[in-house]
Amino acid sequence: MDVRNYLSRYWITFPDDPSFPIGQGVTAYSPEDAMLLLIARGYDFHVRAKRVEIREIQSFDDINHEYVTRVAGPLRFRGIWYPCFNLGIDANGR
């Protein structure tokens, strides 16, 4: 059994907080799991935001930000892919 079959991709935005990031991308088992991954990395935008929107997406085509699709990590693995913490820069946890 491949646990990746149980993962979903989430694009999390903060539409009422223009000073916050344009969004955060997470692959997780559930929206709650996605929030836990963000908290573990020190992100708290979803806690401080006036409103949080969480969309389950299938691919980068579901995100309307070309910049994100160019610099994001892979969507296939559990973790934060925007900003990228799965591979490349900061992949070792620093």
PDB file of N, CA and C in Angstrom:
ATOM      1  N   MET A   1       0.837  -1.181   0.000  1.00  0.00           N
ATOM      2  CA  MET A   1       0.000   0.000   0.000  1.00  0.00           C
ATOM      3  C   MET A   1       0.881   1.243   0.000  1.00  0.00           C
ATOM      4  N   ASP A   2       0.604   2.147  -0.890  1.00  0.00           N
ATOM      5  CA  ASP A   2       1.344   3.404  -0.998  1.00  0.00           C
ATOM      6  C   ASP A   2       0.552   4.490  -0.266  1.00  0.00           C
ATOM      7  N   VAL A   3       1.108   5.009   0.843  1.00  0.00           N
ATOM      8  CA  VAL A   3       0.386   6.016   1.629  1.00  0.00           C
ATOM      9  C   VAL A   3       0.148   7.294   0.840  1.00  0.00           C
ATOM     10  N   ARG A   4       0.908   7.501  -0.240  1.00  0.00           N
ATOM     11  CA  ARG A   4       0.700   8.700  -1.053  1.00  0.00           C
ATOM     12  C   ARG A   4      -0.688   8.717  -1.678  1.00  0.00           C
ATOM     13  N   ASN A   5      -1.326   7.544  -1.783  1.00  0.00           N
ATOM     14  CA  ASN A   5      -2.691   7.492  -2.310  1.00  0.00           C
ATOM     15  C   ASN A   5      -3.684   8.163  -1.371  1.00  0.00           C
ATOM     16  N   TYR A   6      -3.311   8.379  -0.129  1.00  0.00           N
ATOM     17  CA  TYR A   6      -4.195   8.989   0.859  1.00  0.00           C
ATOM     18  C   TYR A   6      -3.904  10.464   1.079  1.00  0.00           C
ATOM     19  N   LEU A   7      -2.939  11.002   0.366  1.00  0.00           N
ATOM     20  CA  LEU A   7      -2.569  12.402   0.520  1.00  0.00           C
ATOM     21  C   LEU A   7      -3.399  13.289  -0.396  1.00  0.00           C
ATOM     22  N   SER A   8      -3.664  14.493   0.088  1.00  0.00           N
ATOM     23  CA  SER A   8      -4.345  15.513  -0.713  1.00  0.00           C
ATOM     24  C   SER A   8      -3.471  16.751  -0.749  1.00  0.00           C
ATOM     25  N   ARG A   9      -3.665  17.547  -1.791  1.00  0.00           N
ATOM     26  CA  ARG A   9      -2.902  18.788  -1.949  1.00  0.00           C
ATOM     27  C   ARG A   9      -3.813  19.954  -1.602  1.00  0.00           C
ATOM     28  N   TYR A  10      -3.300  20.854  -0.765  1.00  0.00           N
ATOM     29  CA  TYR A  10      -4.104  21.990  -0.322  1.00  0.00           C
ATOM     30  C   TYR A  10      -3.400  23.301  -0.652  1.00  0.00           C
ATOM     31  N   TRP A  11      -4.182  24.260  -1.120  1.00  0.00           N
ATOM     32  CA  TRP A  11      -3.716  25.625  -1.333  1.00  0.00           C
ATOM     33  C   TRP A  11      -4.473  26.469  -0.323  1.00  0.00           C
ATOM     34  N   ILE A  12      -3.718  27.102   0.582  1.00  0.00           N
ATOM     35  CA  ILE A  12      -4.283  27.841   1.705  1.00  0.00           C
ATOM     36  C   ILE A  12      -4.027  29.322   1.484  1.00  0.00           C
ATOM     37  N   THR A  13      -5.081  30.128   1.515  1.00  0.00           N
ATOM     38  CA  THR A  13      -4.944  31.565   1.281  1.00  0.00           C
ATOM     39  C   THR A  13      -5.593  32.360   2.406  1.00  0.00           C
ATOM     40  N   PHE A  14      -5.246  33.643   2.439  1.00  0.00           N
ATOM     41  CA  PHE A  14      -5.695  34.563   3.477  1.00  0.00           C
ATOM     42  C   PHE A  14      -6.251  35.818   2.803  1.00  0.00           C
ATOM     43  N   PRO A  15      -7.453  35.730   2.221  1.00  0.00           N
ATOM     44  CA  PRO A  15      -7.958  36.795   1.354  1.00  0.00           C
ATOM     45  C   PRO A  15      -8.192  38.134   2.040  1.00  0.00           C
ATOM     46  N   ASP A  16      -8.382  38.162   3.331  1.00  0.00           N
ATOM     47  CA  ASP A  16      -8.650  39.423   4.034  1.00  0.00           C
ATOM     48  C   ASP A  16      -7.408  40.036   4.670  1.00  0.00           C
ATOM     49  N   ASP A  17      -6.254  39.443   4.410  1.00  0.00           N
ATOM     50  CA  ASP A  17      -5.000  39.908   4.997  1.00  0.00           C
ATOM     51  C   ASP A  17      -3.962  40.136   3.894  1.00  0.00           C
ATOM     52  N   PRO A  18      -3.997  41.293   3.223  1.00  0.00           N
ATOM     53  CA  PRO A  18      -3.100  41.526   2.081  1.00  0.00           C
ATOM     54  C   PRO A  18      -1.614  41.536   2.429  1.00  0.00           C
ATOM     55  N   SER A  19      -1.268  41.708   3.697  1.00  0.00           N
ATOM     56  CA  SER A  19       0.146  41.705   4.069  1.00  0.00           C
ATOM     57  C   SER A  19       0.682  40.282   4.285  1.00  0.00           C
ATOM     58  N   PHE A  20      -0.192  39.289   4.272  1.00  0.00           N
ATOM     59  CA  PHE A  20       0.216  37.899   4.428  1.00  0.00           C
ATOM     60  C   PHE A  20       0.683  37.360   3.071  1.00  0.00           C
ATOM     61  N   PRO A  21       1.323  36.198   3.056  1.00  0.00           N
ATOM     62  CA  PRO A  21       1.750  35.602   1.788  1.00  0.00           C
ATOM     63  C   PRO A  21       0.557  35.343   0.862  1.00  0.00           C
ATOM     64  N   ILE A  22       0.827  35.179  -0.432  1.00  0.00           N
ATOM     65  CA  ILE A  22      -0.252  34.909  -1.384  1.00  0.00           C
ATOM     66  C   ILE A  22      -0.902  33.559  -1.124  1.00  0.00           C
ATOM     67  N   GLY A  23      -0.218  32.720  -0.415  1.00  0.00           N
ATOM     68  CA  GLY A  23      -0.759  31.419  -0.065  1.00  0.00           C
ATOM     69  C   GLY A  23       0.329  30.495   0.433  1.00  0.00           C
ATOM     70  N   GLN A  24      -0.114  29.327   0.860  1.00  0.00           N
ATOM     71  CA  GLN A  24       0.807  28.284   1.278  1.00  0.00           C
ATOM     72  C   GLN A  24       0.291  26.974   0.715  1.00  0.00           C
ATOM     73  N   GLY A  25       1.204  26.166   0.212  1.00  0.00           N
ATOM     74  CA  GLY A  25       0.834  24.890  -0.375  1.00  0.00           C
ATOM     75  C   GLY A  25       1.328  23.741   0.475  1.00  0.00           C
ATOM     76  N   VAL A  26       0.435  22.808   0.764  1.00  0.00           N
ATOM     77  CA  VAL A  26       0.778  21.688   1.634  1.00  0.00           C
ATOM     78  C   VAL A  26       0.142  20.412   1.079  1.00  0.00           C
ATOM     79  N   THR A  27       0.888  19.342   1.101  1.00  0.00           N
ATOM     80  CA  THR A  27       0.339  18.023   0.811  1.00  0.00           C
ATOM     81  C   THR A  27       0.250  17.292   2.135  1.00  0.00           C
ATOM     82  N   ALA A  28      -0.958  16.828   2.463  1.00  0.00           N
ATOM     83  CA  ALA A  28      -1.186  16.244   3.784  1.00  0.00           C
ATOM     84  C   ALA A  28      -2.340  15.246   3.717  1.00  0.00           C
ATOM     85  N   TYR A  29      -2.580  14.568   4.841  1.00  0.00           N
ATOM     86  CA  TYR A  29      -3.654  13.593   4.926  1.00  0.00           C
ATOM     87  C   TYR A  29      -5.028  14.251   5.057  1.00  0.00           C
ATOM     88  N   SER A  30      -5.056  15.478   5.576  1.00  0.00           N
ATOM     89  CA  SER A  30      -6.314  16.188   5.787  1.00  0.00           C
ATOM     90  C   SER A  30      -6.003  17.676   5.957  1.00  0.00           C
ATOM     91  N   PRO A  31      -7.013  18.537   5.914  1.00  0.00           N
ATOM     92  CA  PRO A  31      -6.750  19.955   6.191  1.00  0.00           C
ATOM     93  C   PRO A  31      -6.137  20.162   7.584  1.00  0.00           C
ATOM     94  N   GLU A  32      -6.577  19.379   8.546  1.00  0.00           N
ATOM     95  CA  GLU A  32      -6.032  19.485   9.902  1.00  0.00           C
ATOM     96  C   GLU A  32      -4.554  19.101   9.930  1.00  0.00           C
ATOM     97  N   ASP A  33      -4.206  18.044   9.211  1.00  0.00           N
ATOM     98  CA  ASP A  33      -2.811  17.621   9.112  1.00  0.00           C
ATOM     99  C   ASP A  33      -1.977  18.707   8.443  1.00  0.00           C
ATOM    100  N   ALA A  34      -2.535  19.363   7.424  1.00  0.00           N
ATOM    101  CA  ALA A  34      -1.829  20.463   6.753  1.00  0.00           C
ATOM    102  C   ALA A  34      -1.520  21.579   7.741  1.00  0.00           C
ATOM    103  N   MET A  35      -2.486  21.928   8.575  1.00  0.00           N
ATOM    104  CA  MET A  35      -2.274  22.984   9.570  1.00  0.00           C
ATOM    105  C   MET A  35      -1.196  22.593  10.572  1.00  0.00           C
ATOM    106  N   LEU A  36      -1.180  21.327  10.969  1.00  0.00           N
ATOM    107  CA  LEU A  36      -0.142  20.856  11.895  1.00  0.00           C
ATOM    108  C   LEU A  36       1.244  20.945  11.274  1.00  0.00           C
ATOM    109  N   LEU A  37       1.351  20.634   9.981  1.00  0.00           N
ATOM    110  CA  LEU A  37       2.640  20.754   9.298  1.00  0.00           C
ATOM    111  C   LEU A  37       3.100  22.212   9.272  1.00  0.00           C
ATOM    112  N   LEU A  38       2.179  23.135   9.027  1.00  0.00           N
ATOM    113  CA  LEU A  38       2.533  24.560   9.025  1.00  0.00           C
ATOM    114  C   LEU A  38       2.990  25.015  10.406  1.00  0.00           C
ATOM    115  N   ILE A  39       2.268  24.612  11.429  1.00  0.00           N
ATOM    116  CA  ILE A  39       2.650  24.979  12.798  1.00  0.00           C
ATOM    117  C   ILE A  39       4.024  24.421  13.142  1.00  0.00           C
ATOM    118  N   ALA A  40       4.292  23.178  12.738  1.00  0.00           N
ATOM    119  CA  ALA A  40       5.593  22.553  13.025  1.00  0.00           C
ATOM    120  C   ALA A  40       6.738  23.331  12.380  1.00  0.00           C
ATOM    121  N   ARG A  41       6.479  24.000  11.257  1.00  0.00           N
ATOM    122  CA  ARG A  41       7.503  24.805  10.580  1.00  0.00           C
ATOM    123  C   ARG A  41       7.555  26.232  11.096  1.00  0.00           C
ATOM    124  N   GLY A  42       6.692  26.579  12.034  1.00  0.00           N
ATOM    125  CA  GLY A  42       6.710  27.923  12.607  1.00  0.00           C
ATOM    126  C   GLY A  42       5.775  28.907  11.936  1.00  0.00           C
ATOM    127  N   TYR A  43       4.942  28.439  11.007  1.00  0.00           N
ATOM    128  CA  TYR A  43       3.972  29.321  10.356  1.00  0.00           C
ATOM    129  C   TYR A  43       2.717  29.432  11.213  1.00  0.00           C
ATOM    130  N   ASP A  44       2.216  30.646  11.347  1.00  0.00           N
ATOM    131  CA  ASP A  44       0.974  30.821  12.098  1.00  0.00           C
ATOM    132  C   ASP A  44      -0.004  31.751  11.382  1.00  0.00           C
ATOM    133  N   PHE A  45       0.202  31.955  10.088  1.00  0.00           N
ATOM    134  CA  PHE A  45      -0.701  32.826   9.338  1.00  0.00           C
ATOM    135  C   PHE A  45      -2.138  32.349   9.456  1.00  0.00           C
ATOM    136  N   HIS A  46      -2.343  31.046   9.382  1.00  0.00           N
ATOM    137  CA  HIS A  46      -3.693  30.494   9.436  1.00  0.00           C
ATOM    138  C   HIS A  46      -4.331  30.678  10.814  1.00  0.00           C
ATOM    139  N   VAL A  47      -3.520  30.903  11.835  1.00  0.00           N
ATOM    140  CA  VAL A  47      -4.043  31.154  13.179  1.00  0.00           C
ATOM    141  C   VAL A  47      -4.392  32.634  13.344  1.00  0.00           C
ATOM    142  N   ARG A  48      -3.578  33.513  12.764  1.00  0.00           N
ATOM    143  CA  ARG A  48      -3.759  34.964  12.910  1.00  0.00           C
ATOM    144  C   ARG A  48      -4.685  35.578  11.870  1.00  0.00           C
ATOM    145  N   ALA A  49      -4.959  34.880  10.807  1.00  0.00           N
ATOM    146  CA  ALA A  49      -5.725  35.451   9.698  1.00  0.00           C
ATOM    147  C   ALA A  49      -7.171  35.744  10.091  1.00  0.00           C
ATOM    148  N   LYS A  50      -7.708  36.789   9.474  1.00  0.00           N
ATOM    149  CA  LYS A  50      -9.119  37.108   9.665  1.00  0.00           C
ATOM    150  C   LYS A  50      -9.993  36.014   9.060  1.00  0.00           C
ATOM    151  N   ARG A  51      -9.531  35.488   7.927  1.00  0.00           N
ATOM    152  CA  ARG A  51     -10.256  34.424   7.239  1.00  0.00           C
ATOM    153  C   ARG A  51      -9.241  33.557   6.507  1.00  0.00           C
ATOM    154  N   VAL A  52      -9.464  32.268   6.544  1.00  0.00           N
ATOM    155  CA  VAL A  52      -8.592  31.311   5.866  1.00  0.00           C
ATOM    156  C   VAL A  52      -9.428  30.522   4.860  1.00  0.00           C
ATOM    157  N   GLU A  53      -8.937  30.416   3.641  1.00  0.00           N
ATOM    158  CA  GLU A  53      -9.576  29.579   2.644  1.00  0.00           C
ATOM    159  C   GLU A  53      -8.652  28.416   2.317  1.00  0.00           C
ATOM    160  N   ILE A  54      -9.189  27.210   2.380  1.00  0.00           N
ATOM    161  CA  ILE A  54      -8.423  26.005   2.075  1.00  0.00           C
ATOM    162  C   ILE A  54      -9.108  25.317   0.903  1.00  0.00           C
ATOM    163  N   ARG A  55      -8.352  25.181  -0.182  1.00  0.00           N
ATOM    164  CA  ARG A  55      -8.871  24.500  -1.371  1.00  0.00           C
ATOM    165  C   ARG A  55      -8.063  23.250  -1.624  1.00  0.00           C
ATOM    166  N   GLU A  56      -8.744  22.166  -1.866  1.00  0.00           N
ATOM    167  CA  GLU A  56      -8.040  20.965  -2.309  1.00  0.00           C
ATOM    168  C   GLU A  56      -7.805  21.123  -3.811  1.00  0.00           C
ATOM    169  N   ILE A  57      -6.573  20.906  -4.224  1.00  0.00           N
ATOM    170  CA  ILE A  57      -6.223  21.055  -5.636  1.00  0.00           C
ATOM    171  C   ILE A  57      -5.696  19.735  -6.175  1.00  0.00           C
ATOM    172  N   GLN A  58      -5.671  19.635  -7.500  1.00  0.00           N
ATOM    173  CA  GLN A  58      -5.151  18.436  -8.152  1.00  0.00           C
ATOM    174  C   GLN A  58      -3.752  18.656  -8.719  1.00  0.00           C
ATOM    175  N   SER A  59      -3.495  19.886  -9.182  1.00  0.00           N
ATOM    176  CA  SER A  59      -2.204  20.183  -9.806  1.00  0.00           C
ATOM    177  C   SER A  59      -1.933  21.684  -9.704  1.00  0.00           C
ATOM    178  N   PHE A  60      -0.770  22.081 -10.185  1.00  0.00           N
ATOM    179  CA  PHE A  60      -0.424  23.501 -10.201  1.00  0.00           C
ATOM    180  C   PHE A  60      -1.389  24.306 -11.073  1.00  0.00           C
ATOM    181  N   ASP A  61      -2.041  23.655 -12.006  1.00  0.00           N
ATOM    182  CA  ASP A  61      -2.999  24.353 -12.864  1.00  0.00           C
ATOM    183  C   ASP A  61      -4.139  24.972 -12.061  1.00  0.00           C
ATOM    184  N   ASP A  62      -4.371  24.470 -10.862  1.00  0.00           N
ATOM    185  CA  ASP A  62      -5.451  24.980 -10.014  1.00  0.00           C
ATOM    186  C   ASP A  62      -5.059  26.231  -9.231  1.00  0.00           C
ATOM    187  N   ILE A  63      -3.804  26.663  -9.373  1.00  0.00           N
ATOM    188  CA  ILE A  63      -3.311  27.854  -8.667  1.00  0.00           C
ATOM    189  C   ILE A  63      -3.097  28.953  -9.694  1.00  0.00           C
ATOM    190  N   ASN A  64      -3.571  30.136  -9.413  1.00  0.00           N
ATOM    191  CA  ASN A  64      -3.495  31.240 -10.374  1.00  0.00           C
ATOM    192  C   ASN A  64      -2.272  32.120 -10.171  1.00  0.00           C
ATOM    193  N   HIS A  65      -1.188  31.557  -9.714  1.00  0.00           N
ATOM    194  CA  HIS A  65       0.037  32.333  -9.497  1.00  0.00           C
ATOM    195  C   HIS A  65       1.189  31.627 -10.207  1.00  0.00           C
ATOM    196  N   GLU A  66       1.590  32.161 -11.335  1.00  0.00           N
ATOM    197  CA  GLU A  66       2.666  31.546 -12.114  1.00  0.00           C
ATOM    198  C   GLU A  66       3.953  31.428 -11.300  1.00  0.00           C
ATOM    199  N   TYR A  67       4.240  32.443 -10.469  1.00  0.00           N
ATOM    200  CA  TYR A  67       5.454  32.413  -9.649  1.00  0.00           C
ATOM    201  C   TYR A  67       5.469  31.167  -8.760  1.00  0.00           C
ATOM    202  N   VAL A  68       4.358  30.857  -8.138  1.00  0.00           N
ATOM    203  CA  VAL A  68       4.283  29.702  -7.245  1.00  0.00           C
ATOM    204  C   VAL A  68       4.627  28.428  -8.004  1.00  0.00           C
ATOM    205  N   THR A  69       4.080  28.279  -9.172  1.00  0.00           N
ATOM    206  CA  THR A  69       4.319  27.045  -9.926  1.00  0.00           C
ATOM    207  C   THR A  69       5.772  26.904 -10.349  1.00  0.00           C
ATOM    208  N   ARG A  70       6.490  28.017 -10.469  1.00  0.00           N
ATOM    209  CA  ARG A  70       7.897  27.958 -10.879  1.00  0.00           C
ATOM    210  C   ARG A  70       8.831  27.633  -9.719  1.00  0.00           C
ATOM    211  N   VAL A  71       8.478  27.981  -8.484  1.00  0.00           N
ATOM    212  CA  VAL A  71       9.413  27.828  -7.368  1.00  0.00           C
ATOM    213  C   VAL A  71       8.964  26.807  -6.321  1.00  0.00           C
ATOM    214  N   ALA A  72       7.819  26.207  -6.501  1.00  0.00           N
ATOM    215  CA  ALA A  72       7.296  25.260  -5.514  1.00  0.00           C
ATOM    216  C   ALA A  72       8.026  23.926  -5.580  1.00  0.00           C
ATOM    217  N   GLY A  73       7.950  23.212  -4.482  1.00  0.00           N
ATOM    218  CA  GLY A  73       8.480  21.858  -4.434  1.00  0.00           C
ATOM    219  C   GLY A  73       7.471  20.875  -5.013  1.00  0.00           C
ATOM    220  N   PRO A  74       7.775  19.595  -4.934  1.00  0.00           N
ATOM    221  CA  PRO A  74       6.881  18.591  -5.505  1.00  0.00           C
ATOM    222  C   PRO A  74       5.603  18.430  -4.695  1.00  0.00           C
ATOM    223  N   LEU A  75       4.507  18.205  -5.393  1.00  0.00           N
ATOM    224  CA  LEU A  75       3.205  18.041  -4.746  1.00  0.00           C
ATOM    225  C   LEU A  75       2.976  16.619  -4.242  1.00  0.00           C
ATOM    226  N   ARG A  76       3.776  15.701  -4.671  1.00  0.00           N
ATOM    227  CA  ARG A  76       3.521  14.271  -4.452  1.00  0.00           C
ATOM    228  C   ARG A  76       3.774  13.793  -3.019  1.00  0.00           C
ATOM    229  N   PHE A  77       4.599  14.499  -2.280  1.00  0.00           N
ATOM    230  CA  PHE A  77       5.021  14.022  -0.969  1.00  0.00           C
ATOM    231  C   PHE A  77       4.422  14.860   0.150  1.00  0.00           C
ATOM    232  N   ARG A  78       4.191  14.243   1.302  1.00  0.00           N
ATOM    233  CA  ARG A  78       3.644  14.958   2.452  1.00  0.00           C
ATOM    234  C   ARG A  78       4.626  16.039   2.886  1.00  0.00           C
ATOM    235  N   GLY A  79       4.131  17.255   3.003  1.00  0.00           N
ATOM    236  CA  GLY A  79       4.957  18.362   3.450  1.00  0.00           C
ATOM    237  C   GLY A  79       4.519  19.669   2.823  1.00  0.00           C
ATOM    238  N   ILE A  80       5.257  20.702   3.149  1.00  0.00           N
ATOM    239  CA  ILE A  80       4.987  22.045   2.647  1.00  0.00           C
ATOM    240  C   ILE A  80       5.738  22.217   1.332  1.00  0.00           C
ATOM    241  N   TRP A  81       5.010  22.462   0.265  1.00  0.00           N
ATOM    242  CA  TRP A  81       5.661  22.635  -1.037  1.00  0.00           C
ATOM    243  C   TRP A  81       5.706  24.094  -1.485  1.00  0.00           C
ATOM    244  N   TYR A  82       4.960  24.962  -0.839  1.00  0.00           N
ATOM    245  CA  TYR A  82       5.127  26.394  -1.074  1.00  0.00           C
ATOM    246  C   TYR A  82       4.887  27.123   0.224  1.00  0.00           C
ATOM    247  N   PRO A  83       5.884  27.806   0.739  1.00  0.00           N
ATOM    248  CA  PRO A  83       7.256  27.824   0.253  1.00  0.00           C
ATOM    249  C   PRO A  83       7.885  26.432   0.371  1.00  0.00           C
ATOM    250  N   CYS A  84       8.814  26.158  -0.501  1.00  0.00           N
ATOM    251  CA  CYS A  84       9.354  24.816  -0.662  1.00  0.00           C
ATOM    252  C   CYS A  84      10.191  24.374   0.539  1.00  0.00           C
ATOM    253  N   PHE A  85       9.739  23.307   1.206  1.00  0.00           N
ATOM    254  CA  PHE A  85      10.525  22.681   2.262  1.00  0.00           C
ATOM    255  C   PHE A  85      10.673  21.185   2.053  1.00  0.00           C
ATOM    256  N   ASN A  86      10.217  20.667   0.924  1.00  0.00           N
ATOM    257  CA  ASN A  86      10.322  19.228   0.657  1.00  0.00           C
ATOM    258  C   ASN A  86      11.646  18.861   0.024  1.00  0.00           C
ATOM    259  N   LEU A  87      12.129  19.671  -0.909  1.00  0.00           N
ATOM    260  CA  LEU A  87      13.365  19.394  -1.628  1.00  0.00           C
ATOM    261  C   LEU A  87      14.122  20.694  -1.839  1.00  0.00           C
ATOM    262  N   GLY A  88      15.395  20.561  -2.071  1.00  0.00           N
ATOM    263  CA  GLY A  88      16.185  21.752  -2.420  1.00  0.00           C
ATOM    264  C   GLY A  88      16.457  22.638  -1.216  1.00  0.00           C
ATOM    265  N   ILE A  89      16.279  23.914  -1.373  1.00  0.00           N
ATOM    266  CA  ILE A  89      16.572  24.878  -0.311  1.00  0.00           C
ATOM    267  C   ILE A  89      15.799  24.500   0.937  1.00  0.00           C
ATOM    268  N   ASP A  90      16.509  24.397   2.049  1.00  0.00           N
ATOM    269  CA  ASP A  90      15.933  24.136   3.356  1.00  0.00           C
ATOM    270  C   ASP A  90      15.370  22.720   3.505  1.00  0.00           C
ATOM    271  N   ALA A  91      15.709  21.811   2.630  1.00  0.00           N
ATOM    272  CA  ALA A  91      15.168  20.448   2.720  1.00  0.00           C
ATOM    273  C   ALA A  91      15.660  19.708   3.957  1.00  0.00           C
ATOM    274  N   ASN A  92      16.793  20.139   4.510  1.00  0.00           N
ATOM    275  CA  ASN A  92      17.329  19.432   5.675  1.00  0.00           C
ATOM    276  C   ASN A  92      16.790  19.981   6.993  1.00  0.00           C
ATOM    277  N   GLY A  93      15.805  20.872   6.942  1.00  0.00           N
ATOM    278  CA  GLY A  93      15.187  21.352   8.162  1.00  0.00           C
ATOM    279  C   GLY A  93      15.800  22.605   8.713  1.00  0.00           C
ATOM    280  N   ARG A  94      16.758  23.189   8.008  1.00  0.00           N
ATOM    281  CA  ARG A  94      17.353  24.441   8.475  1.00  0.00           C
ATOM    282  C   ARG A  94      16.764  25.595   7.716  1.00  0.00           C
TER     283      ARG A  94
END
